[in-house]
């Protein structure tokens, strides 16, 4: 695992992911509370694709976690 540590690099990384998802076509994002944390549910062609969890401390994101493992997504 290679942590991304600066705001600029995190922003560029997330924008790059958004562009890739946008090229896939029918992608929808939904804000949600997941296990008490702020999260984003990503659906592609109507199916659950990714869960993004944001760990927020003092109003700033301290961690971003992506869940894509189909075995874990079945519990969502």
N, C-alpha and C. Protein backbone atom coordinates (compact mmCIF):
# COMPACT_ATOMS: atom_id res chain seq x y z
N UNK A 1 0.85 -1.16 0.00
CA UNK A 1 0.00 0.00 0.00
C UNK A 1 0.90 1.24 0.00
N UNK A 2 0.53 2.21 -0.83
CA UNK A 2 1.27 3.47 -0.90
C UNK A 2 0.34 4.61 -0.52
N UNK A 3 0.44 5.12 0.71
CA UNK A 3 -0.43 6.22 1.12
C UNK A 3 -0.18 7.48 0.29
N UNK A 4 -1.25 8.19 0.01
CA UNK A 4 -1.16 9.48 -0.66
C UNK A 4 -1.28 10.53 0.44
N UNK A 5 -0.31 11.42 0.55
CA UNK A 5 -0.25 12.25 1.75
C UNK A 5 -0.58 13.73 1.57
N UNK A 6 -0.46 14.30 0.41
CA UNK A 6 -0.74 15.73 0.29
C UNK A 6 -2.13 15.97 -0.29
N UNK A 7 -2.70 17.11 0.05
CA UNK A 7 -4.04 17.45 -0.47
C UNK A 7 -4.06 17.44 -1.99
N UNK A 8 -3.01 18.00 -2.60
CA UNK A 8 -2.95 18.08 -4.05
C UNK A 8 -2.95 16.69 -4.67
N UNK A 9 -2.14 15.78 -4.14
CA UNK A 9 -2.08 14.42 -4.69
C UNK A 9 -3.39 13.67 -4.47
N UNK A 10 -4.00 13.86 -3.31
CA UNK A 10 -5.29 13.21 -3.04
C UNK A 10 -6.34 13.72 -4.01
N UNK A 11 -6.39 15.04 -4.21
CA UNK A 11 -7.37 15.63 -5.13
C UNK A 11 -7.18 15.10 -6.55
N UNK A 12 -5.94 15.05 -6.99
CA UNK A 12 -5.66 14.55 -8.35
C UNK A 12 -6.04 13.07 -8.48
N UNK A 13 -5.74 12.30 -7.45
CA UNK A 13 -6.08 10.88 -7.46
C UNK A 13 -7.59 10.69 -7.57
N UNK A 14 -8.35 11.40 -6.74
CA UNK A 14 -9.81 11.26 -6.76
C UNK A 14 -10.41 11.75 -8.06
N UNK A 15 -9.91 12.85 -8.60
CA UNK A 15 -10.41 13.33 -9.89
C UNK A 15 -10.11 12.33 -11.00
N UNK A 16 -8.95 11.72 -10.96
CA UNK A 16 -8.62 10.69 -11.94
C UNK A 16 -9.57 9.50 -11.87
N UNK A 17 -9.90 9.08 -10.65
CA UNK A 17 -10.86 7.98 -10.49
C UNK A 17 -12.23 8.37 -11.02
N UNK A 18 -12.65 9.60 -10.73
CA UNK A 18 -13.96 10.05 -11.21
C UNK A 18 -14.00 10.05 -12.74
N UNK A 19 -12.92 10.48 -13.37
CA UNK A 19 -12.87 10.49 -14.84
C UNK A 19 -12.96 9.07 -15.39
N UNK A 20 -12.24 8.14 -14.76
CA UNK A 20 -12.29 6.75 -15.22
C UNK A 20 -13.70 6.19 -15.09
N UNK A 21 -14.35 6.46 -13.97
CA UNK A 21 -15.72 5.96 -13.77
C UNK A 21 -16.67 6.60 -14.76
N UNK A 22 -16.48 7.90 -15.04
CA UNK A 22 -17.36 8.60 -15.97
C UNK A 22 -17.27 7.99 -17.36
N UNK A 23 -16.12 7.48 -17.74
CA UNK A 23 -15.94 6.86 -19.05
C UNK A 23 -16.64 5.52 -19.15
N UNK A 24 -16.97 4.92 -18.01
CA UNK A 24 -17.65 3.62 -18.01
C UNK A 24 -19.12 3.75 -18.37
N UNK A 25 -19.66 4.96 -18.32
CA UNK A 25 -21.06 5.14 -18.70
C UNK A 25 -21.97 5.38 -17.53
N UNK A 26 -22.90 4.48 -17.30
CA UNK A 26 -23.98 4.64 -16.34
C UNK A 26 -23.48 4.47 -14.90
N UNK A 27 -22.88 5.54 -14.34
CA UNK A 27 -22.33 5.50 -12.99
C UNK A 27 -23.06 6.53 -12.14
N UNK A 28 -23.49 6.11 -10.93
CA UNK A 28 -24.20 7.01 -10.01
C UNK A 28 -23.52 6.99 -8.66
N UNK A 29 -23.51 8.16 -8.01
CA UNK A 29 -22.90 8.32 -6.69
C UNK A 29 -23.98 8.71 -5.69
N UNK A 30 -23.91 8.14 -4.50
CA UNK A 30 -24.91 8.42 -3.46
C UNK A 30 -24.18 8.60 -2.13
N UNK A 31 -24.37 9.76 -1.49
CA UNK A 31 -23.81 9.97 -0.15
C UNK A 31 -24.57 9.13 0.85
N UNK A 32 -23.86 8.56 1.81
CA UNK A 32 -24.50 7.69 2.79
C UNK A 32 -23.69 7.68 4.08
N UNK A 33 -24.36 7.36 5.18
CA UNK A 33 -23.67 7.10 6.44
C UNK A 33 -23.46 5.60 6.51
N UNK A 34 -22.20 5.19 6.60
CA UNK A 34 -21.86 3.76 6.60
C UNK A 34 -21.03 3.47 7.84
N UNK A 35 -21.58 2.65 8.71
CA UNK A 35 -20.90 2.32 9.97
C UNK A 35 -20.50 3.56 10.75
N UNK A 36 -21.33 4.60 10.69
CA UNK A 36 -21.07 5.83 11.43
C UNK A 36 -20.12 6.80 10.74
N UNK A 37 -19.59 6.43 9.59
CA UNK A 37 -18.69 7.31 8.84
C UNK A 37 -19.40 7.82 7.59
N UNK A 38 -18.90 8.93 7.07
CA UNK A 38 -19.42 9.45 5.82
C UNK A 38 -18.92 8.56 4.69
N UNK A 39 -19.81 8.25 3.78
CA UNK A 39 -19.41 7.38 2.69
C UNK A 39 -20.09 7.74 1.38
N UNK A 40 -19.61 7.15 0.33
CA UNK A 40 -20.18 7.30 -1.00
C UNK A 40 -20.41 5.90 -1.55
N UNK A 41 -21.62 5.67 -2.02
CA UNK A 41 -21.96 4.41 -2.68
C UNK A 41 -21.87 4.66 -4.18
N UNK A 42 -21.09 3.83 -4.86
CA UNK A 42 -20.92 3.97 -6.31
C UNK A 42 -21.61 2.79 -6.98
N UNK A 43 -22.55 3.11 -7.87
CA UNK A 43 -23.26 2.08 -8.63
C UNK A 43 -22.92 2.25 -10.11
N UNK A 44 -22.67 1.14 -10.76
CA UNK A 44 -22.38 1.14 -12.18
C UNK A 44 -23.39 0.23 -12.86
N UNK A 45 -24.11 0.78 -13.82
CA UNK A 45 -25.16 0.04 -14.53
C UNK A 45 -26.15 -0.59 -13.55
N UNK A 46 -26.46 0.13 -12.48
CA UNK A 46 -27.45 -0.32 -11.50
C UNK A 46 -26.92 -1.25 -10.44
N UNK A 47 -25.70 -1.73 -10.56
CA UNK A 47 -25.13 -2.67 -9.59
C UNK A 47 -24.14 -1.95 -8.68
N UNK A 48 -24.09 -2.41 -7.43
CA UNK A 48 -23.14 -1.86 -6.47
C UNK A 48 -21.73 -2.16 -6.96
N UNK A 49 -20.92 -1.13 -7.10
CA UNK A 49 -19.56 -1.27 -7.62
C UNK A 49 -18.51 -1.03 -6.54
N UNK A 50 -18.68 0.04 -5.77
CA UNK A 50 -17.66 0.45 -4.81
C UNK A 50 -18.31 1.18 -3.64
N UNK A 51 -17.75 0.99 -2.46
CA UNK A 51 -18.09 1.80 -1.29
C UNK A 51 -16.84 2.59 -0.95
N UNK A 52 -16.99 3.90 -0.80
CA UNK A 52 -15.88 4.76 -0.41
C UNK A 52 -16.19 5.29 0.98
N UNK A 53 -15.32 5.01 1.94
CA UNK A 53 -15.49 5.50 3.31
C UNK A 53 -14.50 6.62 3.56
N UNK A 54 -15.00 7.71 4.16
CA UNK A 54 -14.16 8.85 4.49
C UNK A 54 -14.00 8.92 6.00
N UNK A 55 -12.79 8.87 6.47
CA UNK A 55 -12.52 9.03 7.89
C UNK A 55 -12.24 10.52 8.10
N UNK A 56 -13.14 11.20 8.82
CA UNK A 56 -13.04 12.65 9.01
C UNK A 56 -12.71 12.96 10.47
N UNK A 57 -11.71 13.81 10.67
CA UNK A 57 -11.33 14.29 12.00
C UNK A 57 -11.15 15.80 11.93
N UNK A 58 -11.76 16.51 12.86
CA UNK A 58 -11.63 17.98 12.92
C UNK A 58 -11.96 18.63 11.58
N UNK A 59 -12.97 18.11 10.90
CA UNK A 59 -13.43 18.69 9.65
C UNK A 59 -12.56 18.41 8.43
N UNK A 60 -11.56 17.55 8.58
CA UNK A 60 -10.69 17.23 7.45
C UNK A 60 -10.64 15.72 7.24
N UNK A 61 -10.57 15.32 5.99
CA UNK A 61 -10.45 13.89 5.69
C UNK A 61 -9.08 13.40 6.12
N UNK A 62 -9.05 12.35 6.93
CA UNK A 62 -7.79 11.77 7.41
C UNK A 62 -7.52 10.42 6.77
N UNK A 63 -8.55 9.85 6.17
CA UNK A 63 -8.37 8.56 5.52
C UNK A 63 -9.49 8.32 4.53
N UNK A 64 -9.19 7.68 3.44
CA UNK A 64 -10.17 7.32 2.42
C UNK A 64 -9.97 5.84 2.13
N UNK A 65 -11.04 5.08 2.27
CA UNK A 65 -10.96 3.63 2.10
C UNK A 65 -11.94 3.19 1.02
N UNK A 66 -11.47 2.39 0.08
CA UNK A 66 -12.29 1.88 -1.01
C UNK A 66 -12.57 0.41 -0.78
N UNK A 67 -13.83 0.03 -0.85
CA UNK A 67 -14.22 -1.37 -0.72
C UNK A 67 -14.77 -1.81 -2.07
N UNK A 68 -14.08 -2.77 -2.68
CA UNK A 68 -14.51 -3.29 -3.99
C UNK A 68 -14.62 -4.80 -4.00
N UNK A 69 -14.19 -5.43 -2.93
CA UNK A 69 -14.24 -6.89 -2.83
C UNK A 69 -15.70 -7.34 -2.88
N UNK A 70 -16.08 -8.12 -3.90
CA UNK A 70 -17.48 -8.55 -4.02
C UNK A 70 -18.01 -9.27 -2.78
N UNK A 71 -17.15 -10.03 -2.09
CA UNK A 71 -17.59 -10.72 -0.88
C UNK A 71 -17.98 -9.73 0.21
N UNK A 72 -17.27 -8.62 0.31
CA UNK A 72 -17.59 -7.60 1.31
C UNK A 72 -18.78 -6.76 0.89
N UNK A 73 -18.92 -6.51 -0.41
CA UNK A 73 -20.02 -5.69 -0.90
C UNK A 73 -21.37 -6.38 -0.73
N UNK A 74 -21.39 -7.70 -0.68
CA UNK A 74 -22.67 -8.40 -0.53
C UNK A 74 -23.32 -8.11 0.81
N UNK A 75 -22.53 -7.66 1.79
CA UNK A 75 -23.07 -7.35 3.12
C UNK A 75 -23.61 -5.93 3.21
N UNK A 76 -23.49 -5.15 2.15
CA UNK A 76 -23.92 -3.75 2.18
C UNK A 76 -25.36 -3.62 1.73
